[in-house]
Protein backbone atom coordinates (compact mmCIF):
# COMPACT_ATOMS: atom_id res chain seq x y z
CA MET A 1 -113.83 -42.86 4.71
CA ARG A 2 -114.43 -40.53 1.72
CA ILE A 3 -118.07 -39.78 2.94
CA LEU A 4 -116.76 -38.84 6.46
CA LEU A 5 -114.14 -36.47 4.98
CA MET A 6 -116.82 -34.65 2.64
CA ILE A 7 -118.95 -34.27 5.99
CA THR A 8 -116.13 -32.75 8.16
CA ILE A 9 -115.58 -30.48 4.92
CA ALA A 10 -119.00 -29.53 4.78
CA LEU A 11 -119.27 -28.84 8.66
CA SER A 12 -115.93 -26.83 8.57
CA MET A 13 -117.70 -24.63 5.74
CA ALA A 14 -120.94 -24.15 7.73
CA ALA A 15 -118.87 -23.01 10.77
CA ALA A 16 -116.87 -20.63 8.67
CA GLU A 17 -120.12 -19.23 6.85
CA ALA A 18 -121.43 -18.45 10.59
CA THR A 19 -118.40 -16.06 10.86
CA MET A 20 -119.11 -14.11 7.86
CA VAL A 21 -121.66 -11.72 6.37
CA LYS A 22 -122.09 -11.29 2.73
CA ASP A 23 -123.71 -8.20 1.65
CA PRO A 24 -125.31 -8.87 -1.75
CA GLY A 25 -125.63 -4.86 -2.63
CA THR A 26 -121.84 -4.53 -2.43
CA ASN A 27 -120.80 -8.12 -3.19
CA LEU A 28 -118.46 -7.67 -0.04
CA ILE A 29 -117.96 -10.37 2.47
CA TRP A 30 -117.43 -9.21 6.19
CA GLU A 31 -115.64 -10.80 9.13
CA ASP A 32 -118.17 -11.56 11.88
CA THR A 33 -116.13 -13.08 14.56
CA PRO A 34 -115.95 -12.29 18.32
CA HIS A 35 -112.47 -10.67 17.63
CA VAL A 36 -114.58 -7.76 16.03
CA SER A 37 -115.91 -6.79 19.23
CA GLU A 38 -113.38 -8.04 21.61
CA GLU A 39 -109.98 -7.00 20.29
CA LYS A 40 -108.51 -3.47 20.11
CA LEU A 41 -105.43 -2.96 17.81
CA THR A 42 -103.33 -0.35 16.43
CA HIS A 43 -103.73 0.42 12.66
CA ALA A 44 -100.77 -1.65 11.78
CA GLU A 45 -101.79 -4.20 13.93
CA ALA A 46 -105.28 -4.35 12.22
CA ALA A 47 -103.92 -4.40 9.00
CA SER A 48 -101.61 -7.42 9.73
CA TYR A 49 -104.48 -8.96 11.48
CA CYS A 50 -106.77 -8.70 8.36
CA ALA A 51 -103.79 -9.90 6.04
CA ALA A 52 -103.28 -13.03 8.03
CA LEU A 53 -107.07 -13.82 8.71
CA LYS A 54 -108.35 -17.20 7.51
CA LEU A 55 -112.01 -18.35 8.27
CA GLY A 56 -112.30 -21.85 7.20
CA GLU A 57 -110.80 -22.07 3.73
CA VAL A 58 -111.34 -18.34 3.29
CA ALA A 59 -108.56 -16.03 3.05
CA ASN A 60 -107.40 -12.74 1.34
CA TRP A 61 -109.01 -10.32 4.05
CA ARG A 62 -107.92 -6.62 4.10
CA LEU A 63 -109.10 -3.52 5.99
CA PRO A 64 -111.87 -1.84 4.47
CA THR A 65 -111.95 1.64 2.97
CA ILE A 66 -113.94 4.18 4.67
CA ARG A 67 -116.64 4.02 1.88
CA GLU A 68 -116.92 0.32 2.20
CA LEU A 69 -117.20 0.29 6.11
CA LEU A 70 -119.89 2.90 5.56
CA THR A 71 -121.89 0.63 3.76
CA THR A 72 -122.48 -1.30 6.65
CA VAL A 73 -124.10 1.43 8.71
CA ASP A 74 -127.79 1.40 9.50
CA TYR A 75 -128.73 5.04 10.37
CA LYS A 76 -132.22 3.67 11.43
CA ARG A 77 -130.28 2.07 14.25
CA PHE A 78 -128.65 3.48 17.59
CA GLU A 79 -126.14 1.48 19.75
CA PRO A 80 -125.25 -0.22 17.47
CA ALA A 81 -125.77 1.79 14.00
CA THR A 82 -125.13 -1.40 12.08
CA LEU A 83 -126.74 -3.69 9.79
CA LYS A 84 -128.88 -6.28 11.95
CA GLU A 85 -127.07 -9.07 10.21
CA PHE A 86 -124.00 -8.64 12.04
CA SER A 87 -123.78 -10.70 15.43
CA HIS A 88 -120.46 -9.02 16.63
CA VAL A 89 -120.25 -5.26 16.90
CA GLU A 90 -118.69 -3.01 19.72
CA VAL A 91 -121.66 -0.53 20.38
CA ASP A 92 -119.75 2.44 21.30
CA SER A 93 -116.29 2.00 19.37
CA PHE A 94 -114.27 3.38 16.73
CA TYR A 95 -113.45 0.80 13.85
CA TRP A 96 -110.42 1.27 11.61
CA THR A 97 -110.39 1.72 7.78
CA SER A 98 -107.58 1.75 5.21
CA THR A 99 -108.38 5.25 4.09
CA PRO A 100 -105.68 7.59 5.37
CA TYR A 101 -106.47 11.05 6.93
CA LEU A 102 -105.03 13.38 4.33
CA ARG A 103 -104.47 16.22 6.89
CA SER A 104 -102.04 13.82 8.97
CA LYS A 105 -99.72 11.05 7.98
CA ASP A 106 -100.27 9.77 11.57
CA LYS A 107 -104.09 9.33 11.16
CA PHE A 108 -106.64 6.96 9.48
CA TRP A 109 -110.52 7.15 9.06
CA GLY A 110 -112.86 5.30 10.88
CA VAL A 111 -116.46 4.62 12.05
CA ASP A 112 -117.93 4.70 15.38
CA PHE A 113 -120.91 2.38 15.33
CA LYS A 114 -122.70 3.94 18.32
CA ASP A 115 -124.23 6.50 15.83
CA GLY A 116 -122.60 5.85 12.45
CA THR A 117 -120.24 8.76 12.57
CA THR A 118 -116.66 9.02 11.00
CA ASP A 119 -113.68 10.59 12.44
CA SER A 120 -109.85 10.22 12.28
CA ALA A 121 -107.62 8.75 14.78
CA SER A 122 -103.95 8.27 15.36
CA LYS A 123 -102.70 5.08 13.74
CA ASN A 124 -101.07 4.24 17.34
CA TYR A 125 -104.40 4.24 19.21
CA ASN A 126 -106.02 0.81 19.78
CA ARG A 127 -109.34 0.57 17.72
CA HIS A 128 -111.42 -2.37 16.62
CA VAL A 129 -111.23 -3.85 13.21
CA ARG A 130 -113.70 -5.79 10.76
CA CYS A 131 -111.90 -7.26 7.96
CA VAL A 132 -113.50 -7.49 4.40
CA LYS A 133 -112.98 -9.26 1.37
CA ASP A 134 -114.38 -9.04 -2.29
CA SER A 135 -116.79 -11.78 -3.23
CA LYS A 136 -115.75 -14.11 -6.15
């Protein structure tokens, strides 16, 4: 019985690992699930989604800062301009960050992975989200 439990735990962890990408350069772990490319959320919904996210036994996710999300851009690529390690990315879409746009309390910064450009958007718009967590 104990061996079966250990195998189940190992399989669960393996499945969870397939839904995450670790960047050894920044020591950040990124969500890489179908949700990243399929769902759009308002900024508040995106923050709540990340706070509630649990992949396998991995919790404590959050929205990335603009600087963190920019570390996932690969400017040598186009459509998508993101690191090749990611399986899920919406090519021509804006992704939320936790960084507020200082000129308007209604806006936050984000990244468009068509070409890696940054821009601001109203917190009420529906946009994509890729959650991040610090590696321990």
